[in-house]
Amino acid sequence: MSEERSLNFLEEIIEADIAAGKNDGHVQTRFPPEPNGYLHIGHASSIVLNFGLAQKYHGKCNLRFDDTNPATEETEYVESIKNDIKWLLQGTGMKWANELYASDYFEQIYTFATDLIMKGLAYVDDSSAEEIAATKGSTTAPGTNSPYRDRSIEENLQLFAAMRAGKYADGEKVLRAKIDMGHPNLLLRDPVIYRIKHAHHHRTGNAWCIYPMYDFAHGQSDSIEHITHSICTLEFIHHRPLYNWFIEQLGIFPSHQYEFARRNLSYTVMSKRKLLQLVNENYVTGWDDPRMPTISGMRRRGYTPEALRQFCDTIGVARRENVVDLSLLEFCVREHLNKSSDRVMAVLDPVKLVITNYPEGQEDLFDVENNPEDGTGSTRKVPFSREVWIENEDFMEVAPKKFFRLAPGQMVRLKGAYIIKCDDFKKDENGKITEIYCSYLPESKSGNDTSGLHVKGTIHWVSVPHALTAEVRMYDRLFSVEDPATAEGDFKDHINPNSIEVLPAAYIEPSLATAEAGKQFQFLRKGYFCVDKDSQPGKLVFNRTVTLKDAWVKEMKKA
């Protein structure tokens, strides 16, 4: 199958179904997260896919929480999932048709299980999990029947009711489907469909102490909701025969499952279990740490929903799993932020520059363009004074030939202001540059330059008396290897020690004083940054969203 075709195979299936008159041409999808953690970038692809298909074919998409394991599920996760979906889909017109839960169907699913027992297709098994596993057989050898497989229908009904009534401890009994212990698909060798779990459920409380397994609850929930296209990742392809067997034996709406390949992302992990380890063992500050591949982490870092949707559309849908380079995601983020974010000036590694011939106490206000890409031509006022902060890297005592920034005797333009010439500098006892002394050309004012000079370098700056102090968190990739999940040793051994660098005292221009959490900016020549939720009045905190260019590839080549 060609890549072009694979990108559209689900649309082709749906269009063929509509043309054949299946389900009266109706399309009903669903996004079914388990509320046992925060959503990550892999879920974003599934969200964009399921909601997008429903919108394209004038159907509906349900949000249904697969809440069948009370030991790992929390209301916090439910709320975070809803918030992430709303954020990701904002501006698209897409939203869930119904907010549903597998727990809404517990009584109905229990009835389905009872129906299977009455048909002689399910039985209560007293075997332990280890004993059941030992009788499963292998791909080359059939399994062996449980000694409890031939219990009577009456006994099974009685025992199953007693399980529900709480008469047995966790693990003491299970309900299994009676299919075929010699089936070539091991999942159909009398799978467990109900287990006992005395745990508080986030919605039903203590009303239940038995819970359906995913393979039993999932297909039945799809059927109850008349899901026409049950779309899931490729790992569930071997579960489809079981999904269909339950639907056929119960005689319920024949929802159909279709699989697409999971898209893994380089330099990160996508397993909820591994992500939970990072959170619980304090390798990160939480699920929304800006280094995490979670949707909330990416939102906090400054990624935009438009960029994430563009990324999902770009990687498309395929039938083969592969690893997508993180650089592609960062490209999508840069592309959108370049169009949408205002340019501002921030000095991250400051050194003071004194303009010796600029009158003391005098100030200028310069009109500086906000974003040349947005087409509005809007500007802001930026104050200028005798003393400004510039970046340490923008000055060299002994400069190479192609260094077009500041050096003794060399001239540059201060962005939006004047041309200056370096006359002198001062160093401390350790040889560190502490002050740079320059003179300016009054006739070189930006927008009204009559100096006739053309300098090759332009640098950014912030006026010392007007500067605001901000904390800047320089985020990078969380892992130093492309695929930490399969790398040698524990995946946590490959955490990038330089994944965050905190700059406690950067200087930013005063126009940012009222910037709200979540607002994105381009710091001129430094990268894209976002106001963090940790910001306080008078002390803003910025997260680096992404660099201006993909510096990682260059660094890896050096290494």
Protein backbone atom coordinates (compact mmCIF):
# COMPACT_ATOMS: atom_id res chain seq x y z
CA MET A 1 0.00 0.00 0.00
CA SER A 2 1.38 3.41 -0.93
CA GLU A 3 1.87 6.04 1.75
CA GLU A 4 -0.61 8.31 0.00
CA ARG A 5 -3.25 5.62 0.16
CA SER A 6 -2.45 4.67 3.77
CA LEU A 7 -2.99 8.24 4.86
CA ASN A 8 -6.60 8.00 3.71
CA PHE A 9 -7.57 4.38 4.28
CA LEU A 10 -10.07 5.16 7.06
CA GLU A 11 -11.78 7.78 4.91
CA GLU A 12 -11.95 5.24 2.11
CA ILE A 13 -13.56 2.68 4.43
CA ILE A 14 -16.13 5.16 5.68
CA GLU A 15 -16.96 6.39 2.20
CA ALA A 16 -17.40 2.80 1.00
CA ASP A 17 -19.73 2.13 3.95
CA ILE A 18 -21.77 5.24 3.18
CA ALA A 19 -21.99 4.29 -0.50
CA ALA A 20 -23.20 0.80 0.48
CA GLY A 21 -25.88 2.29 2.72
CA LYS A 22 -24.46 0.80 5.93
CA ASN A 23 -26.03 2.24 9.10
CA ASP A 24 -28.21 4.41 6.84
CA GLY A 25 -25.11 6.41 5.97
CA HIS A 26 -24.64 7.50 9.58
CA VAL A 27 -21.14 7.85 11.06
CA GLN A 28 -20.67 7.59 14.83
CA THR A 29 -17.18 7.53 16.35
CA ARG A 30 -15.88 7.82 19.89
CA PHE A 31 -12.74 8.74 21.79
CA PRO A 32 -12.43 6.28 24.73
CA PRO A 33 -9.63 7.30 27.16
CA GLU A 34 -9.02 5.51 30.43
CA PRO A 35 -8.92 8.12 33.23
CA ASN A 36 -5.71 6.77 34.77
CA GLY A 37 -3.35 9.55 33.67
CA TYR A 38 -3.06 12.63 31.52
CA LEU A 39 -3.42 12.53 27.74
CA HIS A 40 -0.25 12.61 25.65
CA ILE A 41 0.62 13.44 22.03
CA GLY A 42 -0.43 9.93 20.92
CA HIS A 43 -3.92 10.60 22.25
CA ALA A 44 -3.90 13.91 20.37
CA SER A 45 -3.63 11.98 17.10
CA SER A 46 -6.59 9.81 18.09
CA ILE A 47 -8.64 12.85 19.12
CA VAL A 48 -7.97 14.67 15.85
CA LEU A 49 -8.74 11.48 13.92
CA ASN A 50 -12.00 10.48 15.64
CA PHE A 51 -13.46 13.96 15.94
CA GLY A 52 -12.21 14.90 12.48
CA LEU A 53 -13.85 11.90 10.80
CA ALA A 54 -17.13 12.61 12.56
CA GLN A 55 -17.04 16.22 11.42
CA LYS A 56 -16.04 15.39 7.83
CA TYR A 57 -18.85 12.89 7.38
CA HIS A 58 -21.48 14.90 9.28
CA GLY A 59 -21.60 12.40 12.11
CA LYS A 60 -21.01 12.54 15.84
CA CYS A 61 -18.19 11.65 18.18
CA ASN A 62 -18.72 10.63 21.79
CA LEU A 63 -16.28 11.13 24.62
CA ARG A 64 -16.50 7.90 26.60
CA PHE A 65 -14.31 7.22 29.59
CA ASP A 66 -13.21 3.60 29.94
CA ASP A 67 -13.49 3.62 33.72
CA THR A 68 -13.51 -0.10 34.50
CA ASN A 69 -10.45 -0.19 36.79
CA PRO A 70 -11.20 1.82 39.95
CA ALA A 71 -7.77 1.19 41.46
CA THR A 72 -6.02 3.49 38.97
CA GLU A 73 -8.70 6.00 37.98
CA GLU A 74 -9.36 9.44 39.46
CA THR A 75 -11.69 12.37 38.90
CA GLU A 76 -8.59 14.56 38.46
CA TYR A 77 -7.75 12.62 35.32
CA VAL A 78 -11.30 12.91 34.01
CA GLU A 79 -11.22 16.70 34.34
CA SER A 80 -7.75 17.01 32.82
CA ILE A 81 -8.82 14.90 29.82
CA LYS A 82 -11.88 17.06 29.19
CA ASN A 83 -9.83 20.24 29.46
CA ASP A 84 -7.18 18.90 27.08
CA ILE A 85 -9.74 17.91 24.45
CA LYS A 86 -11.52 21.28 24.63
CA TRP A 87 -8.18 23.08 24.28
CA LEU A 88 -6.97 20.91 21.40
CA LEU A 89 -10.20 21.33 19.41
CA GLN A 90 -10.78 25.03 20.08
CA GLY A 91 -11.64 27.01 16.99
CA THR A 92 -12.55 23.94 14.93
CA GLY A 93 -16.21 23.64 15.79
CA MET A 94 -15.58 20.05 16.90
CA LYS A 95 -16.89 18.88 20.27
CA TRP A 96 -18.14 15.65 21.78
CA ALA A 97 -21.77 14.81 21.19
CA ASN A 98 -22.11 13.06 24.55
CA GLU A 99 -19.98 12.71 27.65
CA LEU A 100 -20.30 9.06 28.60
CA TYR A 101 -18.65 6.50 30.87
CA ALA A 102 -18.33 2.73 30.71
CA SER A 103 -19.63 2.87 34.28
CA ASP A 104 -22.91 4.21 32.85
CA TYR A 105 -23.37 0.71 31.44
CA PHE A 106 -22.29 -1.44 34.40
CA GLU A 107 -25.80 -2.81 34.93
CA GLN A 108 -26.29 -3.51 31.23
CA ILE A 109 -22.85 -5.14 30.91
CA TYR A 110 -23.64 -7.28 33.95
CA THR A 111 -26.83 -8.36 32.17
CA PHE A 112 -24.80 -9.21 29.06
CA ALA A 113 -22.54 -11.41 31.19
CA THR A 114 -25.58 -13.12 32.69
CA ASP A 115 -26.94 -13.71 29.17
CA LEU A 116 -23.69 -15.48 28.23
CA ILE A 117 -23.94 -17.68 31.32
CA MET A 118 -27.54 -18.61 30.44
CA LYS A 119 -26.38 -19.55 26.93
CA GLY A 120 -23.69 -21.78 28.39
CA LEU A 121 -21.01 -19.42 27.10
CA ALA A 122 -19.52 -18.22 30.39
CA TYR A 123 -18.55 -19.82 33.69
CA VAL A 124 -17.21 -18.87 37.11
CA ASP A 125 -13.65 -20.07 37.66
CA ASP A 126 -12.05 -20.46 41.09
CA SER A 127 -8.55 -20.74 39.64
CA SER A 128 -5.92 -18.18 40.55
CA ALA A 129 -4.44 -15.85 37.95
CA GLU A 130 -1.28 -17.95 37.93
CA GLU A 131 -3.24 -21.18 37.42
CA ILE A 132 -5.22 -19.67 34.56
CA ALA A 133 -2.03 -18.45 32.89
CA ALA A 134 -0.47 -21.90 33.24
CA THR A 135 -3.36 -23.52 31.36
CA LYS A 136 -3.43 -21.04 28.47
CA GLY A 137 -0.97 -23.00 26.37
CA SER A 138 1.16 -21.32 23.73
CA THR A 139 1.15 -20.43 20.06
CA THR A 140 2.28 -23.98 19.31
CA ALA A 141 0.32 -25.88 21.99
CA PRO A 142 -3.36 -25.74 22.94
CA GLY A 143 -4.49 -24.79 26.41
CA THR A 144 -6.20 -27.09 28.87
CA ASN A 145 -9.71 -26.75 30.19
CA SER A 146 -10.28 -25.36 33.66
CA PRO A 147 -11.65 -27.92 36.16
CA TYR A 148 -14.54 -25.47 36.67
CA ARG A 149 -15.42 -25.14 32.99
CA ASP A 150 -18.36 -27.57 33.12
CA ARG A 151 -20.22 -26.04 36.04
CA SER A 152 -23.95 -25.93 35.45
CA ILE A 153 -25.70 -22.81 34.27
CA GLU A 154 -27.59 -22.63 37.56
CA GLU A 155 -24.41 -22.85 39.65
CA ASN A 156 -22.67 -20.23 37.51
CA LEU A 157 -25.62 -17.83 37.83
CA GLN A 158 -25.62 -18.31 41.60
CA LEU A 159 -21.87 -17.83 41.96
CA PHE A 160 -21.81 -14.78 39.68
CA ALA A 161 -24.59 -13.18 41.73
CA ALA A 162 -22.61 -13.96 44.89
CA MET A 163 -19.53 -12.32 43.33
CA ARG A 164 -21.57 -9.18 42.78
CA ALA A 165 -22.91 -9.32 46.32
CA GLY A 166 -19.36 -9.14 47.67
CA LYS A 167 -19.16 -12.63 49.18
CA TYR A 168 -15.67 -13.30 47.82
CA ALA A 169 -12.29 -11.66 48.14
CA ASP A 170 -10.29 -10.14 45.31
CA GLY A 171 -8.90 -12.85 43.06
CA GLU A 172 -10.98 -15.61 44.64
CA LYS A 173 -13.15 -16.06 41.56
CA VAL A 174 -13.45 -14.71 38.02
CA LEU A 175 -15.98 -15.04 35.23
CA ARG A 176 -14.60 -16.45 31.99
CA ALA A 177 -16.11 -16.70 28.53
CA LYS A 178 -16.37 -20.30 27.31
CA ILE A 179 -14.94 -20.22 23.79
CA ASP A 180 -12.13 -22.61 22.78
CA MET A 181 -8.99 -23.50 24.73
CA GLY A 182 -7.41 -24.67 21.48
CA HIS A 183 -8.11 -21.50 19.50
CA PRO A 184 -5.06 -20.24 17.55
CA ASN A 185 -5.72 -16.75 18.91
CA LEU A 186 -4.74 -17.01 22.59
CA LEU A 187 -7.10 -14.16 23.46
CA LEU A 188 -10.04 -16.45 22.65
CA ARG A 189 -8.92 -19.20 25.03
CA ASP A 190 -11.63 -18.64 27.60
CA PRO A 191 -10.74 -15.04 28.43
CA VAL A 192 -11.54 -13.54 31.82
CA ILE A 193 -14.42 -11.10 31.42
CA TYR A 194 -15.13 -10.14 35.07
CA ARG A 195 -12.89 -9.89 38.11
CA ILE A 196 -13.48 -9.04 41.75
CA LYS A 197 -12.01 -5.74 42.89
CA HIS A 198 -13.05 -4.23 46.21
CA ALA A 199 -12.08 -0.64 45.44
CA HIS A 200 -13.82 2.72 45.53
CA HIS A 201 -14.89 3.85 42.07
CA HIS A 202 -14.65 7.56 41.24
CA ARG A 203 -18.27 7.60 40.01
CA THR A 204 -20.13 4.58 41.38
CA GLY A 205 -18.49 4.59 44.82
CA ASN A 206 -18.80 1.18 46.45
CA ALA A 207 -21.89 0.08 44.53
CA TRP A 208 -19.86 -2.53 42.65
CA CYS A 209 -17.12 -4.92 43.67
CA ILE A 210 -16.92 -6.73 40.33
CA TYR A 211 -15.76 -4.99 37.18
CA PRO A 212 -15.76 -6.03 33.52
CA MET A 213 -12.45 -6.47 31.75
CA TYR A 214 -11.62 -4.05 28.93
CA ASP A 215 -12.24 -6.63 26.19
CA PHE A 216 -15.72 -7.27 27.50
CA ALA A 217 -16.76 -3.69 28.33
CA HIS A 218 -15.29 -1.98 25.29
CA GLY A 219 -17.22 -3.66 22.48
CA GLN A 220 -20.46 -3.69 24.42
CA SER A 221 -20.15 0.03 25.16
CA ASP A 222 -19.54 0.66 21.47
CA SER A 223 -22.61 -1.38 20.63
CA ILE A 224 -24.83 0.37 23.18
CA GLU A 225 -23.85 3.72 21.66
CA HIS A 226 -24.25 2.43 18.08
CA ILE A 227 -20.67 3.31 17.22
CA THR A 228 -20.34 2.62 13.51
CA HIS A 229 -16.56 2.90 13.31
CA SER A 230 -14.69 1.87 16.43
CA ILE A 231 -11.20 3.18 15.68
CA CYS A 232 -8.29 2.06 17.84
CA THR A 233 -4.55 1.50 17.63
CA LEU A 234 -2.94 -1.48 15.97
CA GLU A 235 -2.18 -3.26 19.25
CA PHE A 236 -5.87 -4.22 19.42
CA ILE A 237 -6.01 -5.97 16.05
CA HIS A 238 -5.80 -9.39 17.72
CA HIS A 239 -8.61 -8.39 20.08
CA ARG A 240 -11.02 -7.77 17.20
CA PRO A 241 -12.13 -11.44 16.84
CA LEU A 242 -13.05 -11.45 20.55
CA TYR A 243 -14.79 -8.08 20.18
CA ASN A 244 -16.83 -9.56 17.31
CA TRP A 245 -17.50 -12.86 19.12
CA PHE A 246 -19.15 -11.09 22.06
CA ILE A 247 -21.28 -8.93 19.75
CA GLU A 248 -22.37 -11.95 17.72
CA GLN A 249 -23.20 -14.15 20.72
CA LEU A 250 -25.15 -11.37 22.43
CA GLY A 251 -26.99 -10.43 19.23
CA ILE A 252 -26.41 -6.70 19.74
CA PHE A 253 -25.64 -3.79 17.38
CA PRO A 254 -22.67 -4.85 15.24
CA SER A 255 -20.19 -2.07 15.84
CA HIS A 256 -17.01 -2.70 13.81
CA GLN A 257 -13.43 -2.14 14.91
CA TYR A 258 -10.75 -0.63 12.65
CA GLU A 259 -7.10 -0.27 13.57
CA PHE A 260 -4.48 2.33 12.73
CA ALA A 261 -0.81 2.40 13.69
CA ARG A 262 0.38 4.10 16.83
CA ARG A 263 2.78 6.97 16.13
CA ASN A 264 5.64 7.03 18.61
CA LEU A 265 7.63 10.22 19.11
CA SER A 266 11.41 10.34 19.31
CA TYR A 267 13.25 11.46 22.46
CA THR A 268 10.32 10.69 24.74
CA VAL A 269 8.19 7.85 26.14
CA MET A 270 4.48 7.38 25.51
CA SER A 271 3.64 4.72 28.07
CA LYS A 272 1.35 6.01 30.82
CA ARG A 273 3.10 3.68 33.23
CA LYS A 274 6.48 5.20 32.43
CA LEU A 275 5.09 8.74 32.52
CA LEU A 276 3.57 8.01 35.93
CA GLN A 277 6.99 6.83 37.12
CA LEU A 278 8.53 10.12 36.03
CA VAL A 279 5.88 12.00 38.02
CA ASN A 280 5.89 9.83 41.15
CA GLU A 281 9.69 9.62 41.33
CA ASN A 282 10.06 13.40 40.87
CA TYR A 283 12.03 13.32 37.65
CA VAL A 284 9.54 15.97 36.52
CA THR A 285 7.38 18.42 38.45
CA GLY A 286 4.08 16.85 37.42
CA TRP A 287 1.96 15.65 34.52
CA ASP A 288 2.04 19.18 33.08
CA ASP A 289 5.80 19.61 33.31
CA PRO A 290 6.74 21.37 30.04
CA ARG A 291 9.17 18.55 29.20
CA MET A 292 6.44 15.90 29.28
CA PRO A 293 4.77 14.67 26.05
CA THR A 294 1.38 15.23 27.66
CA ILE A 295 -1.05 17.64 26.03
CA SER A 296 -1.16 19.70 29.24
CA GLY A 297 2.65 19.76 29.39
CA MET A 298 2.87 20.92 25.79
CA ARG A 299 0.20 23.55 26.41
CA ARG A 300 2.15 24.84 29.42
CA ARG A 301 5.34 24.89 27.37
CA GLY A 302 3.64 27.14 24.82
CA TYR A 303 2.65 24.76 22.04
CA THR A 304 -0.55 25.84 20.32
CA PRO A 305 -3.56 23.66 19.50
CA GLU A 306 -3.21 24.69 15.85
CA ALA A 307 0.38 23.39 15.80
CA LEU A 308 -0.56 20.07 17.42
CA ARG A 309 -3.44 19.56 14.99
CA GLN A 310 -1.14 20.40 12.08
CA PHE A 311 1.35 17.84 13.36
CA CYS A 312 -1.35 15.18 13.63
CA ASP A 313 -2.58 15.95 10.12
CA THR A 314 0.97 15.89 8.77
CA ILE A 315 1.89 12.47 10.16
CA GLY A 316 -1.49 11.17 9.01
CA VAL A 317 -2.87 7.68 9.56
CA ALA A 318 -1.08 4.50 8.58
CA ARG A 319 -1.19 0.74 9.11
CA ARG A 320 2.45 0.42 10.13
CA GLU A 321 3.94 1.73 13.35
CA ASN A 322 6.93 4.03 13.19
CA VAL A 323 8.77 6.68 15.19
CA VAL A 324 8.07 10.28 14.25
CA ASP A 325 10.96 12.68 14.69
CA LEU A 326 10.32 15.28 17.39
CA SER A 327 11.82 17.84 15.00
CA LEU A 328 8.65 17.60 12.88
CA LEU A 329 6.49 18.54 15.86
CA GLU A 330 8.84 21.42 16.69
CA PHE A 331 8.69 22.55 13.05
CA CYS A 332 4.88 22.72 13.23
CA VAL A 333 5.11 24.72 16.47
CA ARG A 334 7.64 27.16 15.00
CA GLU A 335 5.57 27.60 11.85
CA HIS A 336 2.47 28.61 13.79
CA LEU A 337 4.23 30.73 16.41
CA ASN A 338 6.11 32.60 13.69
CA LYS A 339 2.76 33.79 12.38
CA SER A 340 0.97 34.33 15.67
CA SER A 341 3.46 35.54 18.30
CA ASP A 342 4.66 39.10 18.88
CA ARG A 343 8.38 39.84 18.79
CA VAL A 344 9.77 41.32 22.00
CA MET A 345 13.20 41.94 23.45
CA ALA A 346 14.61 39.95 26.34
CA VAL A 347 18.23 39.67 27.46
CA LEU A 348 18.93 36.28 28.99
CA ASP A 349 22.66 36.58 29.77
CA PRO A 350 23.07 40.31 30.44
CA VAL A 351 26.02 42.65 30.37
CA LYS A 352 25.58 46.40 30.81
CA LEU A 353 26.27 48.74 27.91
CA VAL A 354 26.71 52.47 28.59
CA ILE A 355 26.21 54.98 25.77
CA THR A 356 28.63 57.63 26.93
CA ASN A 357 27.50 60.46 24.63
CA TYR A 358 23.79 59.96 25.28
CA PRO A 359 22.58 62.64 27.76
CA GLU A 360 22.07 61.39 31.31
CA GLY A 361 18.41 61.41 32.34
CA GLN A 362 17.19 61.52 28.73
CA GLU A 363 14.81 58.88 27.40
CA ASP A 364 13.46 58.02 23.97
CA LEU A 365 10.38 56.03 23.03
CA PHE A 366 10.73 53.97 19.88
CA ASP A 367 7.96 52.43 17.81
CA VAL A 368 8.92 48.79 17.30
CA GLU A 369 6.95 46.40 15.08
CA ASN A 370 5.14 43.61 16.90
CA ASN A 371 5.02 40.93 14.24
CA PRO A 372 6.06 41.43 10.62
CA GLU A 373 4.26 38.17 9.70
CA ASP A 374 0.76 39.07 10.84
CA GLY A 375 0.20 41.80 8.23
CA THR A 376 -1.27 44.34 10.66
CA GLY A 377 1.79 46.57 10.95
CA SER A 378 1.04 47.09 14.64
CA THR A 379 3.75 48.58 16.85
CA ARG A 380 4.49 49.13 20.52
CA LYS A 381 6.45 51.78 22.42
CA VAL A 382 9.84 50.66 23.73
CA PRO A 383 11.78 52.99 26.07
CA PHE A 384 15.45 53.73 25.47
CA SER A 385 18.03 55.24 27.83
CA ARG A 386 21.74 55.84 28.35
CA GLU A 387 22.26 52.36 29.82
CA VAL A 388 20.97 49.18 28.23
CA TRP A 389 21.40 45.47 28.77
CA ILE A 390 22.71 43.38 25.89
CA GLU A 391 23.61 39.70 25.57
CA ASN A 392 27.09 38.69 26.69
CA GLU A 393 27.52 36.73 23.47
CA ASP A 394 26.98 39.90 21.44
CA PHE A 395 30.37 41.29 22.50
CA MET A 396 33.85 39.88 21.89
CA GLU A 397 37.09 41.45 23.04
CA VAL A 398 38.92 39.84 20.13
CA ALA A 399 36.47 39.13 17.34
CA PRO A 400 36.96 36.84 14.33
CA LYS A 401 36.63 38.27 10.84
CA LYS A 402 32.95 37.42 10.30
CA PHE A 403 31.73 38.51 13.75
CA PHE A 404 29.26 41.29 12.93
CA ARG A 405 28.27 42.20 16.46
CA LEU A 406 30.06 44.35 19.01
CA ALA A 407 33.84 44.45 19.35
CA PRO A 408 36.29 47.28 20.03
CA GLY A 409 35.97 49.79 17.19
CA GLN A 410 33.07 47.90 15.62
CA MET A 411 29.53 49.23 14.99
CA VAL A 412 26.09 47.61 15.23
CA ARG A 413 22.53 48.79 15.28
CA LEU A 414 20.47 48.48 18.42
CA LYS A 415 17.18 47.02 17.19
CA GLY A 416 14.70 49.82 16.46
CA ALA A 417 17.01 52.50 17.87
CA TYR A 418 20.46 53.80 16.95
CA ILE A 419 23.77 52.70 15.49
CA ILE A 420 26.45 52.50 18.19
CA LYS A 421 30.22 52.07 18.12
CA CYS A 422 32.19 50.24 20.79
CA ASP A 423 34.85 52.51 22.30
CA ASP A 424 35.96 50.66 25.43
CA PHE A 425 35.03 48.02 28.00
CA LYS A 426 35.76 47.05 31.59
CA LYS A 427 36.67 43.68 33.09
CA ASP A 428 36.72 42.41 36.67
CA GLU A 429 39.65 40.68 38.36
CA ASN A 430 38.62 37.36 36.76
CA GLY A 431 38.69 38.78 33.28
CA LYS A 432 34.90 38.86 32.90
CA ILE A 433 33.45 41.76 30.91
CA THR A 434 31.35 43.88 33.30
CA GLU A 435 30.60 47.00 31.24
CA ILE A 436 30.87 48.06 27.63
CA TYR A 437 31.23 51.69 26.63
CA CYS A 438 29.86 52.91 23.33
CA SER A 439 28.95 56.11 21.54
CA TYR A 440 25.83 56.53 19.43
CA LEU A 441 25.13 58.36 16.19
CA PRO A 442 22.09 60.62 16.79
CA GLU A 443 21.44 60.85 13.04
CA SER A 444 21.11 57.04 12.78
CA LYS A 445 17.71 56.84 14.45
CA SER A 446 15.64 53.93 13.10
CA GLY A 447 12.99 55.11 10.66
CA ASN A 448 14.77 58.41 10.16
CA ASP A 449 18.39 57.41 9.52
CA THR A 450 20.39 60.10 7.75
CA SER A 451 23.81 58.74 8.71
CA GLY A 452 24.40 57.02 5.41
CA LEU A 453 25.99 54.09 7.25
CA HIS A 454 25.08 50.46 6.63
CA VAL A 455 26.10 48.15 9.44
CA LYS A 456 25.91 44.39 9.09
CA GLY A 457 24.84 43.55 12.63
CA THR A 458 21.67 44.28 14.61
CA ILE A 459 21.35 43.24 18.26
CA HIS A 460 18.50 43.38 20.76
CA TRP A 461 18.63 45.26 24.06
CA VAL A 462 16.58 46.30 27.09
CA SER A 463 16.80 49.68 28.80
CA VAL A 464 18.33 49.26 32.26
CA PRO A 465 16.04 51.65 34.21
CA HIS A 466 12.94 50.27 32.51
CA ALA A 467 13.83 46.56 32.52
CA LEU A 468 11.69 43.98 34.27
CA THR A 469 13.36 40.98 35.88
CA ALA A 470 12.01 37.58 34.89
CA GLU A 471 12.84 33.94 35.49
CA VAL A 472 13.39 32.03 32.27
CA ARG A 473 13.27 28.25 32.09
CA MET A 474 15.22 26.91 29.15
CA TYR A 475 13.61 23.56 28.30
CA ASP A 476 15.08 20.95 26.01
CA ARG A 477 14.33 17.31 25.19
CA LEU A 478 13.64 15.15 28.22
CA PHE A 479 15.72 12.22 26.96
CA SER A 480 19.12 12.16 25.30
CA VAL A 481 18.46 9.07 23.14
CA GLU A 482 16.00 8.73 20.29
CA ASP A 483 14.08 5.77 21.73
CA PRO A 484 14.50 5.60 25.51
CA ALA A 485 11.87 2.86 25.82
CA THR A 486 14.08 0.35 23.96
CA ALA A 487 17.51 1.71 24.91
CA GLU A 488 19.82 -0.41 27.06
CA GLY A 489 19.17 -0.21 30.81
CA ASP A 490 16.36 1.57 32.62
CA PHE A 491 14.66 4.20 30.47
CA LYS A 492 15.24 6.75 33.24
CA ASP A 493 19.00 6.30 32.82
CA HIS A 494 18.68 8.24 29.57
CA ILE A 495 17.09 11.39 30.96
CA ASN A 496 18.82 14.43 29.49
CA PRO A 497 20.67 16.16 32.36
CA ASN A 498 20.34 19.42 30.44
CA SER A 499 16.60 19.17 29.84
CA ILE A 500 16.07 22.32 31.92
CA GLU A 501 18.26 25.30 32.75
CA VAL A 502 16.80 28.02 34.97
CA LEU A 503 17.90 31.61 34.40
CA PRO A 504 16.77 33.41 37.57
CA ALA A 505 17.36 36.99 36.43
CA ALA A 506 16.81 37.75 32.77
CA TYR A 507 15.78 41.26 31.71
CA ILE A 508 12.68 41.88 29.60
CA GLU A 509 11.15 44.98 28.09
CA PRO A 510 8.37 46.69 30.10
CA SER A 511 5.64 45.95 27.53
CA LEU A 512 5.52 42.44 29.01
CA ALA A 513 4.48 43.63 32.48
CA THR A 514 0.85 42.57 32.01
CA ALA A 515 1.45 39.43 29.96
CA GLU A 516 -0.92 36.66 31.06
CA ALA A 517 -0.12 33.00 31.66
CA GLY A 518 -0.16 31.06 28.40
CA LYS A 519 0.70 34.02 26.18
CA GLN A 520 3.41 33.24 23.62
CA PHE A 521 6.16 35.56 22.40
CA GLN A 522 9.22 35.41 20.22
CA PHE A 523 12.22 36.70 22.15
CA LEU A 524 14.17 38.27 19.32
CA ARG A 525 17.11 36.10 18.24
CA LYS A 526 16.57 33.70 21.17
CA GLY A 527 13.48 31.59 20.51
CA TYR A 528 9.80 31.26 21.32
CA PHE A 529 8.72 31.61 24.94
CA CYS A 530 5.49 31.31 26.91
CA VAL A 531 4.37 32.91 30.17
CA ASP A 532 4.22 30.15 32.80
CA LYS A 533 1.43 29.69 35.34
CA ASP A 534 4.00 30.11 38.14
CA SER A 535 4.24 33.81 37.31
CA GLN A 536 3.45 36.22 40.14
CA PRO A 537 2.74 39.96 40.09
CA GLY A 538 6.07 41.66 39.46
CA LYS A 539 7.88 38.37 38.74
CA LEU A 540 7.09 36.76 35.43
CA VAL A 541 8.25 33.25 34.59
CA PHE A 542 8.82 32.24 30.97
CA ASN A 543 9.19 28.78 29.47
CA ARG A 544 11.18 28.28 26.32
CA THR A 545 8.76 26.66 23.91
CA VAL A 546 11.16 25.96 21.07
CA THR A 547 14.33 27.43 19.61
CA LEU A 548 14.26 29.58 16.47
CA LYS A 549 15.96 26.79 14.54
CA ASP A 550 16.43 23.08 15.09
CA ALA A 551 19.67 23.29 17.06
CA TRP A 552 19.45 19.69 18.30
CA VAL A 553 20.43 18.09 14.99
CA LYS A 554 23.47 20.35 14.79
CA GLU A 555 24.52 19.45 18.33
CA MET A 556 24.10 15.73 17.69
CA LYS A 557 26.31 15.98 14.61
CA LYS A 558 28.96 17.67 16.72
CA ALA A 559 28.74 14.87 19.28
